[in-house]
N, C-alpha and C. Protein backbone atom coordinates (compact mmCIF):
# COMPACT_ATOMS: atom_id res chain seq x y z
N UNK A 1 30.60 -21.74 18.12
CA UNK A 1 31.08 -20.43 17.73
C UNK A 1 30.29 -19.34 18.45
N UNK A 2 28.97 -19.37 18.34
CA UNK A 2 28.16 -18.33 18.96
C UNK A 2 28.15 -18.44 20.48
N UNK A 3 28.35 -19.63 20.99
CA UNK A 3 28.36 -19.83 22.44
C UNK A 3 29.48 -19.00 23.07
N UNK A 4 30.68 -19.11 22.55
CA UNK A 4 31.81 -18.38 23.11
C UNK A 4 31.68 -16.87 22.87
N UNK A 5 31.19 -16.51 21.69
CA UNK A 5 30.97 -15.09 21.39
C UNK A 5 29.97 -14.49 22.38
N UNK A 6 28.91 -15.23 22.66
CA UNK A 6 27.89 -14.76 23.60
C UNK A 6 28.44 -14.74 25.02
N UNK A 7 29.20 -15.74 25.39
CA UNK A 7 29.84 -15.74 26.72
C UNK A 7 30.70 -14.50 26.92
N UNK A 8 31.42 -14.09 25.87
CA UNK A 8 32.32 -12.94 25.97
C UNK A 8 31.58 -11.63 26.21
N UNK A 9 30.31 -11.57 25.85
CA UNK A 9 29.50 -10.36 26.04
C UNK A 9 28.93 -10.26 27.45
N UNK A 10 28.97 -11.32 28.20
CA UNK A 10 28.24 -11.45 29.46
C UNK A 10 28.83 -10.58 30.58
N UNK A 11 28.20 -9.42 30.80
CA UNK A 11 28.58 -8.56 31.92
C UNK A 11 27.39 -8.23 32.83
N UNK A 12 26.18 -8.58 32.40
CA UNK A 12 24.97 -8.27 33.19
C UNK A 12 24.05 -9.48 33.20
N UNK A 13 23.40 -9.83 34.31
CA UNK A 13 23.46 -9.18 35.61
C UNK A 13 24.71 -9.55 36.41
N UNK A 14 25.33 -10.68 36.06
CA UNK A 14 26.56 -11.11 36.73
C UNK A 14 27.60 -11.40 35.66
N UNK A 15 28.78 -10.80 35.75
CA UNK A 15 29.80 -11.01 34.71
C UNK A 15 30.53 -12.35 34.87
N UNK A 16 29.78 -13.44 34.68
CA UNK A 16 30.37 -14.76 34.89
C UNK A 16 30.62 -15.51 33.59
N UNK A 17 30.38 -14.86 32.46
CA UNK A 17 30.75 -15.42 31.17
C UNK A 17 30.10 -16.73 30.80
N UNK A 18 28.84 -16.94 31.22
CA UNK A 18 28.21 -18.22 30.94
C UNK A 18 26.89 -18.13 30.17
N UNK A 19 26.51 -16.96 29.72
CA UNK A 19 25.24 -16.83 29.02
C UNK A 19 25.16 -17.73 27.79
N UNK A 20 26.18 -17.72 26.97
CA UNK A 20 26.18 -18.55 25.77
C UNK A 20 26.10 -20.03 26.11
N UNK A 21 26.85 -20.43 27.12
CA UNK A 21 26.82 -21.83 27.56
C UNK A 21 25.44 -22.20 28.06
N UNK A 22 24.84 -21.35 28.89
CA UNK A 22 23.52 -21.64 29.43
C UNK A 22 22.45 -21.72 28.34
N UNK A 23 22.51 -20.83 27.38
CA UNK A 23 21.53 -20.86 26.29
C UNK A 23 21.77 -22.07 25.39
N UNK A 24 23.04 -22.40 25.18
CA UNK A 24 23.38 -23.58 24.38
C UNK A 24 22.84 -24.85 25.04
N UNK A 25 23.03 -24.99 26.34
CA UNK A 25 22.52 -26.16 27.05
C UNK A 25 21.00 -26.23 26.99
N UNK A 26 20.35 -25.08 27.08
CA UNK A 26 18.89 -25.03 26.98
C UNK A 26 18.44 -25.53 25.61
N UNK A 27 19.09 -25.05 24.56
CA UNK A 27 18.71 -25.45 23.20
C UNK A 27 19.10 -26.89 22.90
N UNK A 28 20.16 -27.40 23.50
CA UNK A 28 20.50 -28.82 23.33
C UNK A 28 19.39 -29.70 23.88
N UNK A 29 18.82 -29.29 25.00
CA UNK A 29 17.72 -30.04 25.58
C UNK A 29 16.49 -30.00 24.67
N UNK A 30 16.24 -28.85 24.06
CA UNK A 30 15.15 -28.74 23.09
C UNK A 30 15.40 -29.71 21.94
N UNK A 31 16.61 -29.71 21.43
CA UNK A 31 16.93 -30.59 20.30
C UNK A 31 16.73 -32.06 20.66
N UNK A 32 17.13 -32.44 21.86
CA UNK A 32 16.93 -33.84 22.28
C UNK A 32 15.44 -34.19 22.29
N UNK A 33 14.61 -33.28 22.77
CA UNK A 33 13.17 -33.54 22.78
C UNK A 33 12.60 -33.58 21.36
N UNK A 34 13.09 -32.70 20.50
CA UNK A 34 12.63 -32.70 19.11
C UNK A 34 13.04 -33.98 18.39
N UNK A 35 14.19 -34.52 18.74
CA UNK A 35 14.67 -35.75 18.10
C UNK A 35 13.77 -36.94 18.36
N UNK A 36 13.01 -36.91 19.45
CA UNK A 36 12.17 -38.07 19.79
C UNK A 36 10.68 -37.79 19.65
N UNK A 37 10.32 -36.63 19.13
CA UNK A 37 8.89 -36.33 18.96
C UNK A 37 8.47 -36.57 17.52
N UNK A 38 7.17 -36.59 17.31
CA UNK A 38 6.62 -36.71 15.96
C UNK A 38 6.58 -35.31 15.36
N UNK A 39 7.55 -35.00 14.52
CA UNK A 39 7.66 -33.65 13.96
C UNK A 39 6.56 -33.32 12.96
N UNK A 40 5.76 -34.29 12.60
CA UNK A 40 4.65 -34.01 11.69
C UNK A 40 3.43 -33.48 12.43
N UNK A 41 3.48 -33.47 13.76
CA UNK A 41 2.36 -33.01 14.57
C UNK A 41 2.78 -31.80 15.39
N UNK A 42 2.16 -30.66 15.10
CA UNK A 42 2.52 -29.42 15.78
C UNK A 42 2.40 -29.51 17.30
N UNK A 43 1.36 -30.15 17.85
CA UNK A 43 1.31 -30.24 19.31
C UNK A 43 2.53 -30.95 19.90
N UNK A 44 3.02 -31.98 19.21
CA UNK A 44 4.21 -32.69 19.68
C UNK A 44 5.45 -31.81 19.60
N UNK A 45 5.56 -31.06 18.52
CA UNK A 45 6.71 -30.16 18.34
C UNK A 45 6.67 -29.06 19.41
N UNK A 46 5.50 -28.47 19.61
CA UNK A 46 5.36 -27.40 20.61
C UNK A 46 5.68 -27.92 22.01
N UNK A 47 5.20 -29.12 22.32
CA UNK A 47 5.48 -29.70 23.63
C UNK A 47 6.98 -29.95 23.79
N UNK A 48 7.61 -30.45 22.75
CA UNK A 48 9.05 -30.73 22.80
C UNK A 48 9.84 -29.44 23.03
N UNK A 49 9.45 -28.37 22.37
CA UNK A 49 10.13 -27.09 22.54
C UNK A 49 9.94 -26.57 23.96
N UNK A 50 8.70 -26.57 24.42
CA UNK A 50 8.40 -26.05 25.74
C UNK A 50 9.03 -26.90 26.84
N UNK A 51 8.82 -28.20 26.77
CA UNK A 51 9.34 -29.11 27.80
C UNK A 51 10.86 -29.18 27.76
N UNK A 52 11.40 -29.29 26.57
CA UNK A 52 12.86 -29.38 26.44
C UNK A 52 13.55 -28.15 26.96
N UNK A 53 13.00 -26.98 26.68
CA UNK A 53 13.64 -25.75 27.16
C UNK A 53 13.52 -25.61 28.67
N UNK A 54 12.39 -26.00 29.22
CA UNK A 54 12.23 -25.94 30.67
C UNK A 54 13.18 -26.92 31.36
N UNK A 55 13.26 -28.12 30.83
CA UNK A 55 14.12 -29.16 31.40
C UNK A 55 15.59 -28.78 31.34
N UNK A 56 15.99 -28.13 30.25
CA UNK A 56 17.40 -27.81 30.05
C UNK A 56 17.81 -26.42 30.48
N UNK A 57 16.88 -25.62 30.97
CA UNK A 57 17.19 -24.23 31.31
C UNK A 57 18.28 -24.14 32.37
N UNK A 58 19.27 -23.31 32.08
CA UNK A 58 20.38 -23.08 33.00
C UNK A 58 20.60 -21.57 33.12
N UNK A 59 20.77 -21.09 34.34
CA UNK A 59 21.07 -19.68 34.56
C UNK A 59 19.91 -18.77 34.18
N UNK A 60 20.09 -17.48 34.41
CA UNK A 60 19.05 -16.51 34.09
C UNK A 60 18.68 -16.55 32.61
N UNK A 61 19.68 -16.57 31.76
CA UNK A 61 19.42 -16.52 30.32
C UNK A 61 18.70 -17.77 29.84
N UNK A 62 19.06 -18.92 30.35
CA UNK A 62 18.40 -20.16 29.95
C UNK A 62 16.96 -20.20 30.42
N UNK A 63 16.72 -19.73 31.64
CA UNK A 63 15.36 -19.71 32.17
C UNK A 63 14.49 -18.74 31.38
N UNK A 64 15.01 -17.55 31.10
CA UNK A 64 14.22 -16.58 30.32
C UNK A 64 14.00 -17.11 28.91
N UNK A 65 15.02 -17.69 28.29
CA UNK A 65 14.85 -18.29 26.96
C UNK A 65 13.78 -19.37 27.00
N UNK A 66 13.77 -20.18 28.04
CA UNK A 66 12.76 -21.24 28.13
C UNK A 66 11.36 -20.65 28.22
N UNK A 67 11.22 -19.53 28.89
CA UNK A 67 9.91 -18.89 29.00
C UNK A 67 9.49 -18.26 27.67
N UNK A 68 10.45 -17.69 26.95
CA UNK A 68 10.14 -17.17 25.62
C UNK A 68 9.68 -18.30 24.71
N UNK A 69 10.37 -19.42 24.76
CA UNK A 69 10.00 -20.57 23.93
C UNK A 69 8.66 -21.16 24.36
N UNK A 70 8.41 -21.18 25.65
CA UNK A 70 7.11 -21.65 26.16
C UNK A 70 5.99 -20.79 25.60
N UNK A 71 6.16 -19.47 25.66
CA UNK A 71 5.14 -18.56 25.13
C UNK A 71 4.91 -18.77 23.65
N UNK A 72 5.99 -18.95 22.91
CA UNK A 72 5.89 -19.22 21.47
C UNK A 72 5.11 -20.51 21.23
N UNK A 73 5.47 -21.54 21.96
CA UNK A 73 4.83 -22.85 21.80
C UNK A 73 3.35 -22.81 22.14
N UNK A 74 2.97 -22.01 23.11
CA UNK A 74 1.56 -21.92 23.49
C UNK A 74 0.69 -21.43 22.34
N UNK A 75 1.22 -20.56 21.52
CA UNK A 75 0.45 -20.03 20.38
C UNK A 75 0.37 -21.03 19.24
N UNK A 76 1.45 -21.73 18.97
CA UNK A 76 1.50 -22.58 17.77
C UNK A 76 1.05 -24.02 18.01
N UNK A 77 0.89 -24.43 19.24
CA UNK A 77 0.68 -25.86 19.53
C UNK A 77 -0.53 -26.48 18.86
N UNK A 78 -1.58 -25.74 18.62
CA UNK A 78 -2.78 -26.32 18.02
C UNK A 78 -2.95 -25.98 16.55
N UNK A 79 -1.92 -25.44 15.94
CA UNK A 79 -2.00 -25.05 14.53
C UNK A 79 -1.50 -26.18 13.63
N UNK A 80 -2.10 -26.31 12.45
CA UNK A 80 -1.57 -27.30 11.51
C UNK A 80 -0.23 -26.86 10.93
N UNK A 81 -0.04 -25.55 10.81
CA UNK A 81 1.22 -24.98 10.32
C UNK A 81 1.28 -23.52 10.79
N UNK A 82 2.43 -22.90 10.60
CA UNK A 82 2.61 -21.51 11.04
C UNK A 82 2.70 -20.61 9.82
N UNK A 83 1.80 -19.63 9.76
CA UNK A 83 1.89 -18.62 8.72
C UNK A 83 2.41 -17.33 9.36
N UNK A 84 2.58 -16.31 8.56
CA UNK A 84 3.17 -15.06 9.05
C UNK A 84 2.34 -14.43 10.16
N UNK A 85 1.03 -14.45 10.02
CA UNK A 85 0.16 -13.87 11.03
C UNK A 85 0.34 -14.56 12.38
N UNK A 86 0.37 -15.87 12.36
CA UNK A 86 0.54 -16.64 13.60
C UNK A 86 1.96 -16.48 14.17
N UNK A 87 2.92 -16.30 13.29
CA UNK A 87 4.29 -16.07 13.75
C UNK A 87 4.37 -14.77 14.54
N UNK A 88 3.70 -13.73 14.05
CA UNK A 88 3.66 -12.46 14.78
C UNK A 88 3.04 -12.68 16.16
N UNK A 89 1.89 -13.36 16.20
CA UNK A 89 1.23 -13.63 17.48
C UNK A 89 2.14 -14.42 18.42
N UNK A 90 2.83 -15.40 17.87
CA UNK A 90 3.70 -16.24 18.70
C UNK A 90 4.87 -15.44 19.27
N UNK A 91 5.47 -14.58 18.46
CA UNK A 91 6.57 -13.74 18.94
C UNK A 91 6.08 -12.76 20.01
N UNK A 92 4.90 -12.20 19.80
CA UNK A 92 4.35 -11.27 20.80
C UNK A 92 4.05 -11.99 22.11
N UNK A 93 3.44 -13.15 22.01
CA UNK A 93 3.11 -13.91 23.23
C UNK A 93 4.39 -14.39 23.93
N UNK A 94 5.38 -14.76 23.15
CA UNK A 94 6.66 -15.17 23.73
C UNK A 94 7.23 -14.03 24.57
N UNK A 95 7.21 -12.83 24.03
CA UNK A 95 7.74 -11.67 24.75
C UNK A 95 6.97 -11.44 26.04
N UNK A 96 5.65 -11.47 25.97
CA UNK A 96 4.83 -11.26 27.17
C UNK A 96 5.10 -12.34 28.22
N UNK A 97 5.27 -13.57 27.77
CA UNK A 97 5.55 -14.67 28.70
C UNK A 97 6.91 -14.47 29.36
N UNK A 98 7.88 -14.01 28.59
CA UNK A 98 9.20 -13.74 29.14
C UNK A 98 9.16 -12.66 30.20
N UNK A 99 8.49 -11.56 29.91
CA UNK A 99 8.37 -10.47 30.89
C UNK A 99 7.66 -10.95 32.15
N UNK A 100 6.59 -11.73 31.97
CA UNK A 100 5.81 -12.20 33.12
C UNK A 100 6.61 -13.13 34.02
N UNK A 101 7.62 -13.77 33.48
CA UNK A 101 8.41 -14.73 34.26
C UNK A 101 9.47 -14.06 35.13
N UNK A 102 9.70 -12.77 34.92
CA UNK A 102 10.75 -12.06 35.64
C UNK A 102 10.12 -11.11 36.66
N UNK A 103 10.52 -11.25 37.91
CA UNK A 103 9.91 -10.44 38.97
C UNK A 103 10.10 -8.95 38.74
N UNK A 104 11.32 -8.54 38.37
CA UNK A 104 11.61 -7.13 38.11
C UNK A 104 12.29 -7.02 36.75
N UNK A 105 11.50 -6.97 35.67
CA UNK A 105 12.10 -6.89 34.33
C UNK A 105 12.96 -5.64 34.18
N UNK A 106 14.07 -5.81 33.52
CA UNK A 106 15.01 -4.72 33.28
C UNK A 106 15.12 -4.50 31.78
N UNK A 107 14.96 -3.24 31.35
CA UNK A 107 15.11 -2.93 29.93
C UNK A 107 16.60 -2.92 29.57
N UNK A 108 16.87 -3.29 28.32
CA UNK A 108 18.25 -3.38 27.86
C UNK A 108 18.76 -4.80 27.93
N UNK A 109 17.84 -5.74 28.13
CA UNK A 109 18.20 -7.16 28.27
C UNK A 109 17.52 -7.98 27.17
N UNK A 110 17.62 -9.28 27.27
CA UNK A 110 16.96 -10.20 26.36
C UNK A 110 15.47 -9.89 26.24
N UNK A 111 14.87 -9.42 27.33
CA UNK A 111 13.44 -9.10 27.30
C UNK A 111 13.15 -7.98 26.32
N UNK A 112 13.96 -6.94 26.35
CA UNK A 112 13.79 -5.82 25.42
C UNK A 112 13.98 -6.29 23.99
N UNK A 113 15.01 -7.07 23.76
CA UNK A 113 15.30 -7.55 22.40
C UNK A 113 14.16 -8.43 21.90
N UNK A 114 13.63 -9.30 22.74
CA UNK A 114 12.50 -10.15 22.34
C UNK A 114 11.27 -9.31 22.03
N UNK A 115 10.99 -8.32 22.88
CA UNK A 115 9.82 -7.47 22.66
C UNK A 115 9.95 -6.67 21.37
N UNK A 116 11.11 -6.07 21.16
CA UNK A 116 11.29 -5.24 19.97
C UNK A 116 11.42 -6.09 18.70
N UNK A 117 11.84 -7.32 18.83
CA UNK A 117 11.82 -8.25 17.70
C UNK A 117 10.37 -8.53 17.31
N UNK A 118 9.52 -8.76 18.31
CA UNK A 118 8.09 -9.00 18.06
C UNK A 118 7.44 -7.75 17.48
N UNK A 119 7.80 -6.58 18.01
CA UNK A 119 7.25 -5.33 17.48
C UNK A 119 7.67 -5.14 16.03
N UNK A 120 8.89 -5.50 15.70
CA UNK A 120 9.36 -5.42 14.31
C UNK A 120 8.59 -6.36 13.41
N UNK A 121 8.29 -7.54 13.91
CA UNK A 121 7.48 -8.49 13.13
C UNK A 121 6.08 -7.93 12.90
N UNK A 122 5.49 -7.35 13.94
CA UNK A 122 4.14 -6.77 13.82
C UNK A 122 4.15 -5.62 12.81
N UNK A 123 5.14 -4.75 12.89
CA UNK A 123 5.23 -3.61 11.97
C UNK A 123 5.40 -4.09 10.53
N UNK A 124 6.25 -5.07 10.31
CA UNK A 124 6.46 -5.59 8.95
C UNK A 124 5.19 -6.23 8.41
N UNK A 125 4.49 -6.98 9.25
CA UNK A 125 3.26 -7.64 8.81
C UNK A 125 2.16 -6.62 8.56
N UNK A 126 2.09 -5.59 9.39
CA UNK A 126 1.09 -4.53 9.20
C UNK A 126 1.34 -3.81 7.88
N UNK A 127 2.60 -3.60 7.56
CA UNK A 127 2.96 -2.93 6.31
C UNK A 127 2.71 -3.82 5.10
N UNK A 128 2.89 -5.13 5.25
CA UNK A 128 2.73 -6.05 4.12
C UNK A 128 2.23 -7.39 4.62
N UNK A 129 0.92 -7.56 4.61
CA UNK A 129 0.29 -8.78 5.13
C UNK A 129 0.51 -9.99 4.23
N UNK A 130 1.17 -9.81 3.09
CA UNK A 130 1.43 -10.95 2.21
C UNK A 130 2.82 -11.55 2.44
N UNK A 131 3.54 -11.05 3.43
CA UNK A 131 4.87 -11.60 3.72
C UNK A 131 4.76 -13.08 4.07
N UNK A 132 5.72 -13.85 3.59
CA UNK A 132 5.78 -15.25 4.01
C UNK A 132 6.62 -15.34 5.29
N UNK A 133 6.67 -16.52 5.87
CA UNK A 133 7.36 -16.70 7.15
C UNK A 133 8.85 -16.33 7.08
N UNK A 134 9.60 -16.79 6.08
CA UNK A 134 11.01 -16.39 6.04
C UNK A 134 11.22 -14.88 5.94
N UNK A 135 10.40 -14.21 5.12
CA UNK A 135 10.53 -12.75 4.99
C UNK A 135 10.19 -12.06 6.31
N UNK A 136 9.19 -12.56 6.99
CA UNK A 136 8.82 -11.98 8.28
C UNK A 136 9.91 -12.23 9.32
N UNK A 137 10.51 -13.40 9.30
CA UNK A 137 11.62 -13.68 10.22
C UNK A 137 12.80 -12.75 9.94
N UNK A 138 13.08 -12.52 8.68
CA UNK A 138 14.16 -11.58 8.34
C UNK A 138 13.86 -10.19 8.87
N UNK A 139 12.62 -9.73 8.71
CA UNK A 139 12.24 -8.40 9.20
C UNK A 139 12.32 -8.33 10.72
N UNK A 140 11.88 -9.38 11.38
CA UNK A 140 11.94 -9.38 12.85
C UNK A 140 13.38 -9.42 13.34
N UNK A 141 14.23 -10.18 12.65
CA UNK A 141 15.65 -10.21 13.01
C UNK A 141 16.31 -8.85 12.82
N UNK A 142 15.93 -8.16 11.77
CA UNK A 142 16.48 -6.82 11.54
C UNK A 142 16.10 -5.90 12.70
N UNK A 143 14.84 -5.95 13.10
CA UNK A 143 14.40 -5.14 14.25
C UNK A 143 15.13 -5.57 15.52
N UNK A 144 15.32 -6.87 15.67
CA UNK A 144 16.03 -7.38 16.84
C UNK A 144 17.47 -6.92 16.90
N UNK A 145 18.12 -6.88 15.75
CA UNK A 145 19.53 -6.44 15.71
C UNK A 145 19.66 -4.97 16.08
N UNK A 146 18.71 -4.17 15.63
CA UNK A 146 18.70 -2.75 16.01
C UNK A 146 18.49 -2.63 17.52
N UNK A 147 17.55 -3.40 18.04
CA UNK A 147 17.28 -3.41 19.47
C UNK A 147 18.52 -3.84 20.26
N UNK A 148 19.16 -4.89 19.79
CA UNK A 148 20.36 -5.39 20.48
C UNK A 148 21.44 -4.32 20.54
N UNK A 149 21.66 -3.65 19.44
CA UNK A 149 22.69 -2.60 19.42
C UNK A 149 22.35 -1.48 20.40
N UNK A 150 21.07 -1.23 20.60
CA UNK A 150 20.63 -0.17 21.51
C UNK A 150 20.71 -0.57 22.98
N UNK A 151 20.89 -1.86 23.28
CA UNK A 151 20.93 -2.27 24.69
C UNK A 151 22.03 -1.56 25.46
N UNK A 152 23.12 -1.24 24.80
CA UNK A 152 24.21 -0.57 25.51
C UNK A 152 23.84 0.86 25.89
N UNK A 153 22.79 1.41 25.28
CA UNK A 153 22.31 2.73 25.65
C UNK A 153 21.29 2.66 26.79
N UNK A 154 20.81 1.47 27.08
CA UNK A 154 19.80 1.29 28.12
C UNK A 154 20.38 0.83 29.45
N UNK A 155 21.47 0.11 29.39
CA UNK A 155 22.12 -0.38 30.61
C UNK A 155 23.53 0.20 30.71
N UNK A 156 23.77 1.05 31.69
CA UNK A 156 25.09 1.68 31.81
C UNK A 156 26.25 0.68 31.87
N UNK A 157 26.05 -0.48 32.50
CA UNK A 157 27.13 -1.46 32.60
C UNK A 157 27.53 -1.99 31.22
N UNK A 158 26.57 -2.07 30.30
CA UNK A 158 26.87 -2.50 28.93
C UNK A 158 27.65 -1.41 28.20
N UNK A 159 27.21 -0.17 28.39
CA UNK A 159 27.90 0.94 27.75
C UNK A 159 29.35 1.05 28.25
N UNK A 160 29.52 0.90 29.55
CA UNK A 160 30.85 0.99 30.14
C UNK A 160 31.77 -0.11 29.58
N UNK A 161 31.24 -1.30 29.38
CA UNK A 161 32.04 -2.41 28.84
C UNK A 161 32.07 -2.42 27.32
N UNK A 162 31.28 -1.52 26.71
CA UNK A 162 31.16 -1.43 25.25
C UNK A 162 30.76 -2.77 24.62
N UNK A 163 29.72 -3.37 25.21
CA UNK A 163 29.16 -4.61 24.68
C UNK A 163 27.64 -4.48 24.63
N UNK A 164 27.03 -5.36 23.87
CA UNK A 164 25.57 -5.47 23.84
C UNK A 164 25.16 -6.54 24.85
N UNK A 165 23.87 -6.65 25.11
CA UNK A 165 23.40 -7.64 26.06
C UNK A 165 23.63 -9.05 25.54
N UNK A 166 24.24 -9.87 26.36
CA UNK A 166 24.57 -11.24 25.94
C UNK A 166 23.32 -12.09 25.74
N UNK A 167 22.33 -11.96 26.60
CA UNK A 167 21.09 -12.72 26.44
C UNK A 167 20.35 -12.33 25.18
N UNK A 168 20.32 -11.04 24.89
CA UNK A 168 19.69 -10.58 23.65
C UNK A 168 20.41 -11.11 22.44
N UNK A 169 21.74 -11.13 22.50
CA UNK A 169 22.52 -11.68 21.38
C UNK A 169 22.22 -13.16 21.20
N UNK A 170 22.18 -13.89 22.30
CA UNK A 170 21.87 -15.32 22.23
C UNK A 170 20.49 -15.58 21.67
N UNK A 171 19.52 -14.77 22.09
CA UNK A 171 18.15 -14.90 21.58
C UNK A 171 18.13 -14.74 20.06
N UNK A 172 18.84 -13.74 19.55
CA UNK A 172 18.87 -13.53 18.10
C UNK A 172 19.58 -14.67 17.38
N UNK A 173 20.58 -15.26 17.99
CA UNK A 173 21.23 -16.44 17.38
C UNK A 173 20.23 -17.59 17.28
N UNK A 174 19.42 -17.77 18.30
CA UNK A 174 18.39 -18.83 18.27
C UNK A 174 17.39 -18.54 17.15
N UNK A 175 16.92 -17.30 17.09
CA UNK A 175 15.95 -16.94 16.05
C UNK A 175 16.54 -17.08 14.66
N UNK A 176 17.78 -16.66 14.49
CA UNK A 176 18.45 -16.81 13.19
C UNK A 176 18.60 -18.28 12.83
N UNK A 177 18.77 -19.13 13.83
CA UNK A 177 18.89 -20.56 13.59
C UNK A 177 17.64 -21.16 12.96
N UNK A 178 16.51 -20.54 13.20
CA UNK A 178 15.26 -21.01 12.60
C UNK A 178 15.32 -20.86 11.08
N UNK A 179 16.02 -19.83 10.62
CA UNK A 179 16.14 -19.59 9.18
C UNK A 179 17.20 -20.47 8.51
N UNK A 180 18.08 -21.02 9.31
CA UNK A 180 19.20 -21.81 8.75
C UNK A 180 18.74 -23.12 8.12
């Protein structure tokens, strides 16, 4: 469902309608790696996420998503579990890793949505350090949705097509999937 919806938004950088497909293939590879790892050990889970996303990355959106997931995994890999504080750190590091992977980052894309999602998580945690992980994820998703809606104001091609950034939309679908 979300794959086709995300494909339909795809007008930047190339209007080839494959962002949802590329992100879906990337996440399928992650799932395959998770299926064969020891999920009781965070290093194994982090490795599966990082390796699976790199192995399955397709297109610009898949490659950037894999870098976001790699950055997230780097923070959590040695933790026994993830609390809200570490989730904020992981989202922030994911965003930085995503930006670092792109030679010429463009605002109004998945990078902006990932960064502003992390900023929303930081703001929510700063306001209430007792938030649990699901509440923090909800707050970060809310910030991400606002950011996504604003992408059409940052990239003229999105405004002209009256769509939001497809990669940003796909990223939020992945993040929302964590709550499912």
